[in-house]
Amino acid sequence: MALHHASSGEVIDLAVSSDQPGTRAIVKTDKFETIRLVLRQGDTIPAHRLASQITLHCLKGSVAVQIAGGTLMLDTDQWVFFDEDAVHGFDATTDAVLLMTIMLPIDTPT
């Protein structure tokens, strides 16, 4: 079964529920992708890099975010931006729900 992605103007409930308990894609276009990440305390996403800019909004809980040069804490209602190729990883210090938006490369005319 294909994953449902939001349509333009469609309201999406980001709450974790028995119908939508885990990580899920919200929308993907040729310009950006948004994903709801659901992490349980102790879950880890190893350090990696993307060739895109990303934003990470903590909707609930807290995560330790590994970045070049150290670690930052991201708590409920906080938001962070990463430039393309920024190395980052996550450790959930509590149960957490994050909204990640990945800006996809835009082809420019040559």
Protein backbone atom coordinates (compact mmCIF):
# COMPACT_ATOMS: atom_id res chain seq x y z
CA MET A 1 0.00 0.00 0.00
CA ALA A 2 1.36 3.43 -0.92
CA LEU A 3 2.03 5.95 1.85
CA HIS A 4 -0.39 8.85 2.06
CA HIS A 5 1.24 12.24 1.53
CA ALA A 6 -0.57 15.48 2.26
CA SER A 7 -2.14 17.40 -0.57
CA SER A 8 -2.04 21.17 -0.89
CA GLY A 9 -4.42 22.63 1.70
CA GLU A 10 -4.92 19.34 3.56
CA VAL A 11 -4.84 19.61 7.36
CA ILE A 12 -2.62 16.96 8.97
CA ASP A 13 -2.77 15.92 12.64
CA LEU A 14 0.81 15.50 13.90
CA ALA A 15 -0.25 13.92 17.22
CA VAL A 16 0.95 10.40 17.92
CA SER A 17 -2.05 8.10 18.17
CA SER A 18 -2.95 4.43 17.97
CA ASP A 19 -3.82 5.01 14.29
CA GLN A 20 -0.51 6.81 13.59
CA PRO A 21 1.93 5.60 16.28
CA GLY A 22 5.33 6.05 14.68
CA THR A 23 7.54 7.92 12.28
CA ARG A 24 5.79 8.85 9.07
CA ALA A 25 6.22 10.90 5.94
CA ILE A 26 3.93 13.92 5.88
CA VAL A 27 4.57 15.42 2.45
CA LYS A 28 7.13 15.18 -0.32
CA THR A 29 7.38 17.48 -3.31
CA ASP A 30 10.19 18.24 -5.71
CA LYS A 31 11.26 21.10 -3.38
CA PHE A 32 10.92 19.69 0.16
CA GLU A 33 10.04 16.70 2.32
CA THR A 34 8.55 16.75 5.83
CA ILE A 35 8.69 13.78 8.20
CA ARG A 36 7.29 13.26 11.71
CA LEU A 37 9.95 11.39 13.70
CA VAL A 38 8.81 9.49 16.77
CA LEU A 39 11.65 8.46 19.07
CA ARG A 40 11.49 6.55 22.33
CA GLN A 41 13.83 7.42 25.17
CA GLY A 42 17.22 5.90 24.33
CA ASP A 43 16.61 5.73 20.57
CA THR A 44 19.53 6.91 18.47
CA ILE A 45 19.88 8.11 14.91
CA PRO A 46 23.61 7.89 14.13
CA ALA A 47 25.49 10.94 12.87
CA HIS A 48 25.08 11.46 9.14
CA ARG A 49 24.96 14.26 6.59
CA LEU A 50 22.48 15.29 3.95
CA ALA A 51 23.25 17.30 0.84
CA SER A 52 20.27 19.51 1.72
CA GLN A 53 19.35 22.11 4.29
CA ILE A 54 17.08 20.80 7.05
CA THR A 55 15.02 22.13 9.92
CA LEU A 56 14.15 20.18 13.04
CA HIS A 57 11.26 21.23 15.30
CA CYS A 58 10.84 19.40 18.62
CA LEU A 59 7.10 19.03 19.14
CA LYS A 60 7.38 16.97 22.33
CA GLY A 61 10.16 15.70 24.63
CA SER A 62 13.86 16.32 24.20
CA VAL A 63 16.76 15.08 22.13
CA ALA A 64 20.50 15.54 22.29
CA VAL A 65 21.65 16.59 18.83
CA GLN A 66 25.23 15.77 17.89
CA ILE A 67 26.75 18.37 15.61
CA ALA A 68 30.29 19.15 14.57
CA GLY A 69 31.96 20.56 17.64
CA GLY A 70 29.58 19.24 20.27
CA THR A 71 26.06 18.47 21.38
CA LEU A 72 23.04 20.71 21.74
CA MET A 73 19.78 19.97 23.54
CA LEU A 74 16.53 20.43 21.68
CA ASP A 75 13.46 20.55 23.90
CA THR A 76 9.71 20.89 23.33
CA ASP A 77 8.85 23.90 21.15
CA GLN A 78 12.45 24.49 20.09
CA TRP A 79 13.64 24.55 16.49
CA VAL A 80 17.03 24.31 14.78
CA PHE A 81 18.31 24.75 11.24
CA PHE A 82 21.19 22.83 9.63
CA ASP A 83 22.94 23.91 6.47
CA GLU A 84 23.60 21.39 3.72
CA ASP A 85 26.26 18.79 4.50
CA ALA A 86 26.08 19.51 8.25
CA VAL A 87 26.86 16.33 10.19
CA HIS A 88 24.12 15.64 12.73
CA GLY A 89 22.73 12.76 14.80
CA PHE A 90 20.11 12.36 17.54
CA ASP A 91 19.81 10.67 20.93
CA ALA A 92 16.35 10.77 22.50
CA THR A 93 16.77 11.76 26.15
CA THR A 94 13.00 11.34 26.64
CA ASP A 95 10.22 10.07 24.41
CA ALA A 96 10.17 12.69 21.64
CA VAL A 97 8.26 13.77 18.56
CA LEU A 98 10.14 15.83 15.97
CA LEU A 99 9.11 17.47 12.73
CA MET A 100 11.93 17.41 10.18
CA THR A 101 11.80 19.36 6.94
CA ILE A 102 14.38 18.64 4.25
CA MET A 103 14.79 21.25 1.50
CA LEU A 104 15.58 19.40 -1.69
CA PRO A 105 18.01 20.78 -4.24
CA ILE A 106 16.37 23.02 -6.78
CA ASP A 107 17.61 22.65 -10.34
CA THR A 108 18.78 25.97 -11.70
CA PRO A 109 18.91 26.69 -15.41
CA THR A 110 22.40 26.75 -16.93
